[in-house]
Amino acid sequence: MPETVSKGTAKLLKDITGEPRLELAVRATMEDALLHRLEGVEEGLEELRDRYGMSFDKFEEAWERGDIEDRHSYDVEKDYWRWDELTTRKKRIRDALDTL
């Protein structure tokens, strides 16, 4: 990964953030991008919580007990894996935000 940024990219980052220092402009842009992605993840998680009427932790417990109807159907398994992935991605985004 290059450790330099082209003059055009540096100018663009500084212009859109209003930050004259490139490192801070990059951080501000990264934070904006992460927050935007977090919004999308939260929307996906909310959709699944609404669909199943429970949190992922409760869903996973019910899954393990065999309490989820049609748990091995394509749609339910797809939801399980998507929910798990969104939960993991949310944690990674939050961890990344904490490091900025």
N, C-alpha and C. Protein backbone atom coordinates (compact mmCIF):
# COMPACT_ATOMS: atom_id res chain seq x y z
N MET A 1 0.85 -1.18 0.00
CA MET A 1 0.00 0.00 0.00
C MET A 1 0.90 1.24 0.00
N PRO A 2 0.62 2.15 -0.90
CA PRO A 2 1.49 3.33 -0.96
C PRO A 2 1.36 4.19 0.29
N GLU A 3 2.47 4.80 0.66
CA GLU A 3 2.48 5.68 1.82
C GLU A 3 2.34 7.14 1.42
N THR A 4 2.13 7.38 0.15
CA THR A 4 1.93 8.74 -0.33
C THR A 4 0.57 8.83 -1.00
N VAL A 5 0.08 10.05 -1.08
CA VAL A 5 -1.20 10.32 -1.71
C VAL A 5 -0.94 11.35 -2.81
N SER A 6 -1.57 11.14 -3.95
CA SER A 6 -1.37 12.10 -5.03
C SER A 6 -1.83 13.49 -4.61
N LYS A 7 -1.29 14.49 -5.26
CA LYS A 7 -1.66 15.86 -4.93
C LYS A 7 -3.15 16.10 -5.14
N GLY A 8 -3.69 15.52 -6.20
CA GLY A 8 -5.12 15.69 -6.49
C GLY A 8 -6.00 15.07 -5.41
N THR A 9 -5.62 13.87 -4.97
CA THR A 9 -6.38 13.20 -3.91
C THR A 9 -6.26 13.96 -2.60
N ALA A 10 -5.06 14.43 -2.30
CA ALA A 10 -4.85 15.19 -1.07
C ALA A 10 -5.70 16.46 -1.08
N LYS A 11 -5.72 17.14 -2.22
CA LYS A 11 -6.52 18.37 -2.33
C LYS A 11 -8.00 18.05 -2.15
N LEU A 12 -8.45 16.99 -2.79
CA LEU A 12 -9.86 16.59 -2.67
C LEU A 12 -10.22 16.29 -1.22
N LEU A 13 -9.40 15.51 -0.55
CA LEU A 13 -9.67 15.17 0.86
C LEU A 13 -9.72 16.42 1.73
N LYS A 14 -8.77 17.31 1.51
CA LYS A 14 -8.74 18.55 2.29
C LYS A 14 -9.96 19.41 2.00
N ASP A 15 -10.34 19.48 0.71
CA ASP A 15 -11.49 20.31 0.32
C ASP A 15 -12.80 19.78 0.89
N ILE A 16 -13.00 18.47 0.83
CA ILE A 16 -14.29 17.94 1.27
C ILE A 16 -14.43 17.90 2.79
N THR A 17 -13.30 17.84 3.48
CA THR A 17 -13.38 17.80 4.95
C THR A 17 -13.16 19.17 5.58
N GLY A 18 -12.57 20.09 4.84
CA GLY A 18 -12.25 21.39 5.41
C GLY A 18 -11.05 21.34 6.34
N GLU A 19 -10.34 20.22 6.33
CA GLU A 19 -9.19 20.01 7.21
C GLU A 19 -7.90 20.22 6.40
N PRO A 20 -7.07 21.20 6.77
CA PRO A 20 -5.86 21.47 5.99
C PRO A 20 -4.76 20.41 6.17
N ARG A 21 -4.82 19.64 7.25
CA ARG A 21 -3.80 18.60 7.48
C ARG A 21 -4.28 17.29 6.89
N LEU A 22 -3.49 16.74 5.97
CA LEU A 22 -3.89 15.55 5.22
C LEU A 22 -4.24 14.38 6.12
N GLU A 23 -3.42 14.09 7.12
CA GLU A 23 -3.70 12.94 7.99
C GLU A 23 -5.07 13.07 8.66
N LEU A 24 -5.39 14.28 9.12
CA LEU A 24 -6.69 14.48 9.76
C LEU A 24 -7.82 14.43 8.75
N ALA A 25 -7.56 14.88 7.52
CA ALA A 25 -8.57 14.80 6.46
C ALA A 25 -8.87 13.33 6.13
N VAL A 26 -7.82 12.51 6.08
CA VAL A 26 -8.01 11.07 5.81
C VAL A 26 -8.80 10.43 6.95
N ARG A 27 -8.44 10.75 8.18
CA ARG A 27 -9.16 10.18 9.34
C ARG A 27 -10.63 10.60 9.33
N ALA A 28 -10.89 11.86 9.03
CA ALA A 28 -12.28 12.34 9.00
C ALA A 28 -13.07 11.62 7.92
N THR A 29 -12.45 11.41 6.77
CA THR A 29 -13.11 10.70 5.67
C THR A 29 -13.35 9.25 6.04
N MET A 30 -12.38 8.63 6.70
CA MET A 30 -12.55 7.25 7.14
C MET A 30 -13.68 7.14 8.16
N GLU A 31 -13.72 8.08 9.08
CA GLU A 31 -14.78 8.06 10.09
C GLU A 31 -16.15 8.19 9.43
N ASP A 32 -16.27 9.12 8.48
CA ASP A 32 -17.54 9.28 7.76
C ASP A 32 -17.94 7.99 7.05
N ALA A 33 -16.97 7.36 6.39
CA ALA A 33 -17.25 6.12 5.67
C ALA A 33 -17.67 5.01 6.62
N LEU A 34 -16.98 4.89 7.75
CA LEU A 34 -17.32 3.85 8.72
C LEU A 34 -18.70 4.08 9.32
N LEU A 35 -19.02 5.33 9.64
CA LEU A 35 -20.34 5.64 10.18
C LEU A 35 -21.44 5.35 9.16
N HIS A 36 -21.16 5.64 7.91
CA HIS A 36 -22.13 5.33 6.85
C HIS A 36 -22.35 3.82 6.74
N ARG A 37 -21.27 3.07 6.77
CA ARG A 37 -21.39 1.60 6.71
C ARG A 37 -22.12 1.06 7.94
N LEU A 38 -21.84 1.65 9.10
CA LEU A 38 -22.50 1.22 10.33
C LEU A 38 -24.01 1.43 10.22
N GLU A 39 -24.43 2.52 9.61
CA GLU A 39 -25.87 2.76 9.40
C GLU A 39 -26.50 1.62 8.61
N GLY A 40 -25.85 1.22 7.53
CA GLY A 40 -26.36 0.13 6.71
C GLY A 40 -26.42 -1.18 7.47
N VAL A 41 -25.40 -1.45 8.27
CA VAL A 41 -25.36 -2.67 9.08
C VAL A 41 -26.50 -2.64 10.10
N GLU A 42 -26.68 -1.50 10.75
CA GLU A 42 -27.76 -1.36 11.75
C GLU A 42 -29.13 -1.58 11.11
N GLU A 43 -29.32 -1.07 9.89
CA GLU A 43 -30.59 -1.27 9.20
C GLU A 43 -30.83 -2.75 8.93
N GLY A 44 -29.78 -3.46 8.50
CA GLY A 44 -29.90 -4.89 8.26
C GLY A 44 -30.21 -5.66 9.53
N LEU A 45 -29.55 -5.29 10.62
CA LEU A 45 -29.80 -5.95 11.90
C LEU A 45 -31.22 -5.69 12.39
N GLU A 46 -31.68 -4.46 12.23
CA GLU A 46 -33.05 -4.12 12.64
C GLU A 46 -34.08 -4.91 11.84
N GLU A 47 -33.83 -5.05 10.56
CA GLU A 47 -34.74 -5.83 9.70
C GLU A 47 -34.86 -7.27 10.20
N LEU A 48 -33.74 -7.87 10.55
CA LEU A 48 -33.76 -9.25 11.03
C LEU A 48 -34.38 -9.35 12.42
N ARG A 49 -34.09 -8.38 13.29
CA ARG A 49 -34.73 -8.38 14.63
C ARG A 49 -36.24 -8.29 14.49
N ASP A 50 -36.69 -7.43 13.58
CA ASP A 50 -38.13 -7.28 13.37
C ASP A 50 -38.75 -8.55 12.78
N ARG A 51 -38.05 -9.17 11.85
CA ARG A 51 -38.57 -10.38 11.21
C ARG A 51 -38.75 -11.52 12.21
N TYR A 52 -37.79 -11.68 13.11
CA TYR A 52 -37.83 -12.81 14.04
C TYR A 52 -38.26 -12.43 15.45
N GLY A 53 -38.40 -11.15 15.71
CA GLY A 53 -38.88 -10.70 17.02
C GLY A 53 -37.93 -10.95 18.17
N MET A 54 -36.62 -10.96 17.86
CA MET A 54 -35.63 -11.21 18.91
C MET A 54 -34.26 -10.75 18.44
N SER A 55 -33.33 -10.68 19.39
CA SER A 55 -31.94 -10.33 19.07
C SER A 55 -31.25 -11.55 18.44
N PHE A 56 -30.08 -11.30 17.87
CA PHE A 56 -29.33 -12.42 17.29
C PHE A 56 -28.93 -13.43 18.36
N ASP A 57 -28.53 -12.96 19.54
CA ASP A 57 -28.16 -13.89 20.61
C ASP A 57 -29.31 -14.83 20.94
N LYS A 58 -30.52 -14.27 21.07
CA LYS A 58 -31.70 -15.10 21.36
C LYS A 58 -32.01 -16.04 20.19
N PHE A 59 -31.88 -15.51 18.97
CA PHE A 59 -32.12 -16.33 17.78
C PHE A 59 -31.15 -17.51 17.74
N GLU A 60 -29.88 -17.22 18.00
CA GLU A 60 -28.86 -18.26 17.97
C GLU A 60 -29.13 -19.33 19.03
N GLU A 61 -29.55 -18.90 20.23
CA GLU A 61 -29.90 -19.86 21.28
C GLU A 61 -31.08 -20.73 20.85
N ALA A 62 -32.10 -20.09 20.27
CA ALA A 62 -33.27 -20.83 19.80
C ALA A 62 -32.88 -21.78 18.67
N TRP A 63 -31.98 -21.34 17.82
CA TRP A 63 -31.48 -22.17 16.71
C TRP A 63 -30.82 -23.43 17.27
N GLU A 64 -29.95 -23.24 18.25
CA GLU A 64 -29.24 -24.37 18.86
C GLU A 64 -30.20 -25.37 19.50
N ARG A 65 -31.27 -24.85 20.11
CA ARG A 65 -32.27 -25.72 20.76
C ARG A 65 -33.21 -26.37 19.75
N GLY A 66 -33.18 -25.91 18.51
CA GLY A 66 -34.09 -26.43 17.49
C GLY A 66 -35.45 -25.79 17.53
N ASP A 67 -35.56 -24.60 18.14
CA ASP A 67 -36.85 -23.91 18.30
C ASP A 67 -37.21 -23.01 17.12
N ILE A 68 -36.32 -22.86 16.16
CA ILE A 68 -36.61 -22.02 15.00
C ILE A 68 -37.29 -22.88 13.94
N GLU A 69 -38.50 -22.48 13.58
CA GLU A 69 -39.26 -23.22 12.58
C GLU A 69 -38.54 -23.17 11.24
N ASP A 70 -38.47 -24.31 10.58
CA ASP A 70 -37.82 -24.43 9.26
C ASP A 70 -36.38 -23.93 9.28
N ARG A 71 -35.68 -24.20 10.37
CA ARG A 71 -34.35 -23.63 10.51
C ARG A 71 -33.38 -24.07 9.43
N HIS A 72 -33.63 -25.15 8.76
CA HIS A 72 -32.73 -25.60 7.69
C HIS A 72 -33.26 -25.26 6.30
N SER A 73 -34.28 -24.43 6.25
CA SER A 73 -34.73 -23.96 4.94
C SER A 73 -33.72 -22.95 4.42
N TYR A 74 -33.70 -22.77 3.12
CA TYR A 74 -32.74 -21.85 2.51
C TYR A 74 -32.88 -20.44 3.09
N ASP A 75 -34.10 -19.93 3.18
CA ASP A 75 -34.31 -18.56 3.64
C ASP A 75 -33.88 -18.35 5.09
N VAL A 76 -34.21 -19.29 5.96
CA VAL A 76 -33.85 -19.14 7.38
C VAL A 76 -32.34 -19.28 7.57
N GLU A 77 -31.73 -20.24 6.89
CA GLU A 77 -30.28 -20.38 7.00
C GLU A 77 -29.57 -19.15 6.43
N LYS A 78 -30.08 -18.62 5.33
CA LYS A 78 -29.50 -17.42 4.74
C LYS A 78 -29.59 -16.26 5.73
N ASP A 79 -30.74 -16.12 6.40
CA ASP A 79 -30.90 -15.08 7.40
C ASP A 79 -29.93 -15.28 8.55
N TYR A 80 -29.76 -16.52 8.99
CA TYR A 80 -28.83 -16.81 10.09
C TYR A 80 -27.42 -16.34 9.74
N TRP A 81 -26.95 -16.74 8.56
CA TRP A 81 -25.58 -16.40 8.17
C TRP A 81 -25.43 -14.90 7.94
N ARG A 82 -26.47 -14.27 7.38
CA ARG A 82 -26.42 -12.82 7.17
C ARG A 82 -26.39 -12.09 8.51
N TRP A 83 -27.22 -12.54 9.46
CA TRP A 83 -27.29 -11.94 10.79
C TRP A 83 -25.95 -12.07 11.50
N ASP A 84 -25.36 -13.25 11.42
CA ASP A 84 -24.06 -13.49 12.02
C ASP A 84 -23.00 -12.57 11.40
N GLU A 85 -23.03 -12.46 10.08
CA GLU A 85 -22.06 -11.62 9.38
C GLU A 85 -22.24 -10.15 9.73
N LEU A 86 -23.48 -9.68 9.79
CA LEU A 86 -23.75 -8.28 10.15
C LEU A 86 -23.31 -7.98 11.58
N THR A 87 -23.54 -8.93 12.48
CA THR A 87 -23.12 -8.76 13.87
C THR A 87 -21.60 -8.65 13.96
N THR A 88 -20.91 -9.49 13.22
CA THR A 88 -19.44 -9.44 13.19
C THR A 88 -18.96 -8.14 12.57
N ARG A 89 -19.58 -7.74 11.46
CA ARG A 89 -19.17 -6.50 10.80
C ARG A 89 -19.40 -5.29 11.70
N LYS A 90 -20.51 -5.28 12.44
CA LYS A 90 -20.80 -4.17 13.36
C LYS A 90 -19.67 -4.05 14.39
N LYS A 91 -19.24 -5.17 14.93
CA LYS A 91 -18.15 -5.15 15.92
C LYS A 91 -16.87 -4.63 15.29
N ARG A 92 -16.56 -5.07 14.08
CA ARG A 92 -15.33 -4.63 13.41
C ARG A 92 -15.37 -3.13 13.12
N ILE A 93 -16.52 -2.63 12.69
CA ILE A 93 -16.65 -1.20 12.41
C ILE A 93 -16.49 -0.41 13.70
N ARG A 94 -17.14 -0.85 14.77
CA ARG A 94 -17.00 -0.15 16.05
C ARG A 94 -15.54 -0.18 16.55
N ASP A 95 -14.88 -1.31 16.38
CA ASP A 95 -13.47 -1.39 16.77
C ASP A 95 -12.63 -0.42 15.94
N ALA A 96 -12.91 -0.35 14.65
CA ALA A 96 -12.17 0.57 13.78
C ALA A 96 -12.43 2.03 14.20
N LEU A 97 -13.68 2.36 14.52
CA LEU A 97 -14.00 3.71 14.97
C LEU A 97 -13.27 4.04 16.27
N ASP A 98 -13.12 3.05 17.14
CA ASP A 98 -12.43 3.27 18.41
C ASP A 98 -10.93 3.56 18.20
N THR A 99 -10.38 3.09 17.09
CA THR A 99 -8.94 3.29 16.84
C THR A 99 -8.66 4.62 16.16
N LEU A 100 -9.67 5.26 15.62
CA LEU A 100 -9.46 6.56 14.95
C LEU A 100 -9.19 7.66 15.94
